[in-house]
Amino acid sequence: MKSNDWKDRLNIVYSTNPDFQYSTDEKEEIETLPKQQQKLRVGIEKNHRGGKTVTIVKNFTGSEEDLKQLGRLLKTKCGVGGTVKDGEILVQGEFKEKIIELLKKEGYTQTK
């Protein structure tokens, strides 16, 4: 049975085609790769941060929820704050070696 919710068709004027499919702006969720296949890169950055140092974890392939969960784990283990945005995990402070070690313990074997 077709969904007839008017909110899904909010900016559509009218179509006479009976087989017309309304398209919505839903983003497809990327499937998370297994931990062994993730090629995470850990780096330190100081630019554009008011002189503060942050550790960045890049190249995570997967859903936003899994990325947030990994970010929460890293921030907790390091005992500092941080954020997850634009597909990257930002951890406050210089924790490159500790984060690489934590990721390898968690099963992310291709981490550099």
C-alpha atoms as a PDB file:
ATOM      1  CA  MET A   1       0.000   0.000   0.000  1.00  0.00           C
ATOM      2  CA  LYS A   2       1.303   3.434  -0.932  1.00  0.00           C
ATOM      3  CA  SER A   3       2.022   6.000   1.720  1.00  0.00           C
ATOM      4  CA  ASN A   4      -0.219   9.015   1.282  1.00  0.00           C
ATOM      5  CA  ASP A   5       1.366  11.330   3.803  1.00  0.00           C
ATOM      6  CA  TRP A   6       1.132  14.909   2.544  1.00  0.00           C
ATOM      7  CA  LYS A   7       4.301  15.919   4.414  1.00  0.00           C
ATOM      8  CA  ASP A   8       6.378  13.702   2.125  1.00  0.00           C
ATOM      9  CA  ARG A   9       5.081  15.644  -0.881  1.00  0.00           C
ATOM     10  CA  LEU A  10       5.276  19.114   0.590  1.00  0.00           C
ATOM     11  CA  ASN A  11       7.000  20.931  -2.299  1.00  0.00           C
ATOM     12  CA  ILE A  12       5.504  18.882  -5.161  1.00  0.00           C
ATOM     13  CA  VAL A  13       2.908  20.739  -7.213  1.00  0.00           C
ATOM     14  CA  TYR A  14       1.021  18.000  -9.082  1.00  0.00           C
ATOM     15  CA  SER A  15       1.637  15.023 -11.312  1.00  0.00           C
ATOM     16  CA  THR A  16      -0.801  13.345 -13.688  1.00  0.00           C
ATOM     17  CA  ASN A  17       1.376  10.256 -14.016  1.00  0.00           C
ATOM     18  CA  PRO A  18      -0.209   7.483 -11.885  1.00  0.00           C
ATOM     19  CA  ASP A  19       3.196   5.753 -11.484  1.00  0.00           C
ATOM     20  CA  PHE A  20       5.003   8.883 -10.319  1.00  0.00           C
ATOM     21  CA  GLN A  21       7.212   8.288  -7.269  1.00  0.00           C
ATOM     22  CA  TYR A  22       7.734  11.199  -4.938  1.00  0.00           C
ATOM     23  CA  SER A  23      11.372  11.571  -4.025  1.00  0.00           C
ATOM     24  CA  THR A  24      12.347  12.682  -0.575  1.00  0.00           C
ATOM     25  CA  ASP A  25      15.644  14.088   0.630  1.00  0.00           C
ATOM     26  CA  GLU A  26      16.487  11.126   2.849  1.00  0.00           C
ATOM     27  CA  LYS A  27      20.183  10.254   2.905  1.00  0.00           C
ATOM     28  CA  GLU A  28      21.144   6.630   2.537  1.00  0.00           C
ATOM     29  CA  GLU A  29      23.001   5.273   5.545  1.00  0.00           C
ATOM     30  CA  ILE A  30      26.476   3.990   4.727  1.00  0.00           C
ATOM     31  CA  GLU A  31      27.145   0.474   5.935  1.00  0.00           C
ATOM     32  CA  THR A  32      29.910   0.330   8.525  1.00  0.00           C
ATOM     33  CA  LEU A  33      32.962  -1.671   7.502  1.00  0.00           C
ATOM     34  CA  PRO A  34      34.317  -4.284   9.932  1.00  0.00           C
ATOM     35  CA  LYS A  35      36.991  -3.031  12.327  1.00  0.00           C
ATOM     36  CA  GLN A  36      39.764  -4.940  10.547  1.00  0.00           C
ATOM     37  CA  GLN A  37      38.998  -3.188   7.227  1.00  0.00           C
ATOM     38  CA  GLN A  38      38.876   0.377   8.596  1.00  0.00           C
ATOM     39  CA  LYS A  39      41.918   2.400   7.513  1.00  0.00           C
ATOM     40  CA  LEU A  40      41.866   5.064  10.203  1.00  0.00           C
ATOM     41  CA  ARG A  41      44.436   7.866  10.215  1.00  0.00           C
ATOM     42  CA  VAL A  42      45.329   9.680  13.421  1.00  0.00           C
ATOM     43  CA  GLY A  43      46.955  13.101  13.348  1.00  0.00           C
ATOM     44  CA  ILE A  44      47.569  16.198  15.419  1.00  0.00           C
ATOM     45  CA  GLU A  45      46.403  19.631  14.337  1.00  0.00           C
ATOM     46  CA  LYS A  46      46.874  23.113  15.767  1.00  0.00           C
ATOM     47  CA  ASN A  47      45.768  25.356  12.911  1.00  0.00           C
ATOM     48  CA  HIS A  48      42.614  27.506  13.247  1.00  0.00           C
ATOM     49  CA  ARG A  49      42.030  26.372  16.820  1.00  0.00           C
ATOM     50  CA  GLY A  50      43.244  29.361  18.822  1.00  0.00           C
ATOM     51  CA  GLY A  51      46.565  27.705  19.638  1.00  0.00           C
ATOM     52  CA  LYS A  52      44.898  24.619  21.102  1.00  0.00           C
ATOM     53  CA  THR A  53      46.083  21.175  20.027  1.00  0.00           C
ATOM     54  CA  VAL A  54      43.589  18.512  18.925  1.00  0.00           C
ATOM     55  CA  THR A  55      44.023  14.920  17.850  1.00  0.00           C
ATOM     56  CA  ILE A  56      42.017  14.012  14.729  1.00  0.00           C
ATOM     57  CA  VAL A  57      40.859  10.547  13.659  1.00  0.00           C
ATOM     58  CA  LYS A  58      39.978  10.474   9.925  1.00  0.00           C
ATOM     59  CA  ASN A  59      38.830   8.018   7.212  1.00  0.00           C
ATOM     60  CA  PHE A  60      36.088   6.227   9.179  1.00  0.00           C
ATOM     61  CA  THR A  61      33.737   4.443   6.785  1.00  0.00           C
ATOM     62  CA  GLY A  62      30.327   3.822   8.256  1.00  0.00           C
ATOM     63  CA  SER A  63      27.242   5.253   9.867  1.00  0.00           C
ATOM     64  CA  GLU A  64      27.227   8.467  11.860  1.00  0.00           C
ATOM     65  CA  GLU A  65      26.000   6.599  14.948  1.00  0.00           C
ATOM     66  CA  ASP A  66      28.962   4.184  14.876  1.00  0.00           C
ATOM     67  CA  LEU A  67      31.356   7.117  14.463  1.00  0.00           C
ATOM     68  CA  LYS A  68      29.821   8.885  17.474  1.00  0.00           C
ATOM     69  CA  GLN A  69      30.101   5.713  19.523  1.00  0.00           C
ATOM     70  CA  LEU A  70      33.806   5.367  18.656  1.00  0.00           C
ATOM     71  CA  GLY A  71      34.367   9.041  19.460  1.00  0.00           C
ATOM     72  CA  ARG A  72      32.665   8.626  22.836  1.00  0.00           C
ATOM     73  CA  LEU A  73      34.915   5.650  23.619  1.00  0.00           C
ATOM     74  CA  LEU A  74      38.108   7.538  22.719  1.00  0.00           C
ATOM     75  CA  LYS A  75      37.151  10.645  24.687  1.00  0.00           C
ATOM     76  CA  THR A  76      36.272   8.551  27.737  1.00  0.00           C
ATOM     77  CA  LYS A  77      39.510   6.538  27.642  1.00  0.00           C
ATOM     78  CA  CYS A  78      41.606   9.713  27.254  1.00  0.00           C
ATOM     79  CA  GLY A  79      39.620  11.559  29.919  1.00  0.00           C
ATOM     80  CA  VAL A  80      39.127  14.685  27.801  1.00  0.00           C
ATOM     81  CA  GLY A  81      36.473  16.401  25.717  1.00  0.00           C
ATOM     82  CA  GLY A  82      36.032  16.495  21.996  1.00  0.00           C
ATOM     83  CA  THR A  83      33.495  16.244  19.224  1.00  0.00           C
ATOM     84  CA  VAL A  84      32.454  14.262  16.173  1.00  0.00           C
ATOM     85  CA  LYS A  85      31.715  16.299  13.052  1.00  0.00           C
ATOM     86  CA  ASP A  86      32.234  16.155   9.306  1.00  0.00           C
ATOM     87  CA  GLY A  87      33.147  12.459   9.502  1.00  0.00           C
ATOM     88  CA  GLU A  88      36.063  13.106  11.871  1.00  0.00           C
ATOM     89  CA  ILE A  89      36.644  12.595  15.570  1.00  0.00           C
ATOM     90  CA  LEU A  90      38.293  15.538  17.326  1.00  0.00           C
ATOM     91  CA  VAL A  91      39.817  14.851  20.747  1.00  0.00           C
ATOM     92  CA  GLN A  92      41.119  17.787  22.778  1.00  0.00           C
ATOM     93  CA  GLY A  93      44.828  17.508  23.493  1.00  0.00           C
ATOM     94  CA  GLU A  94      47.800  15.637  22.084  1.00  0.00           C
ATOM     95  CA  PHE A  95      46.909  11.942  22.404  1.00  0.00           C
ATOM     96  CA  LYS A  96      48.101  10.504  19.082  1.00  0.00           C
ATOM     97  CA  GLU A  97      50.056   7.523  20.464  1.00  0.00           C
ATOM     98  CA  LYS A  98      47.438   6.706  23.107  1.00  0.00           C
ATOM     99  CA  ILE A  99      44.583   6.804  20.556  1.00  0.00           C
ATOM    100  CA  ILE A 100      46.485   4.575  18.110  1.00  0.00           C
ATOM    101  CA  GLU A 101      47.084   2.098  20.922  1.00  0.00           C
ATOM    102  CA  LEU A 102      43.409   2.203  21.992  1.00  0.00           C
ATOM    103  CA  LEU A 103      42.183   1.699  18.421  1.00  0.00           C
ATOM    104  CA  LYS A 104      44.459  -1.301  17.910  1.00  0.00           C
ATOM    105  CA  LYS A 105      43.198  -2.837  21.172  1.00  0.00           C
ATOM    106  CA  GLU A 106      39.620  -2.350  19.930  1.00  0.00           C
ATOM    107  CA  GLY A 107      40.413  -4.265  16.726  1.00  0.00           C
ATOM    108  CA  TYR A 108      41.178  -1.453  14.260  1.00  0.00           C
ATOM    109  CA  THR A 109      44.362  -3.122  13.019  1.00  0.00           C
ATOM    110  CA  GLN A 110      45.081  -0.834  10.006  1.00  0.00           C
ATOM    111  CA  THR A 111      45.412   2.326  12.093  1.00  0.00           C
ATOM    112  CA  LYS A 112      48.328   4.706  11.496  1.00  0.00           C
END
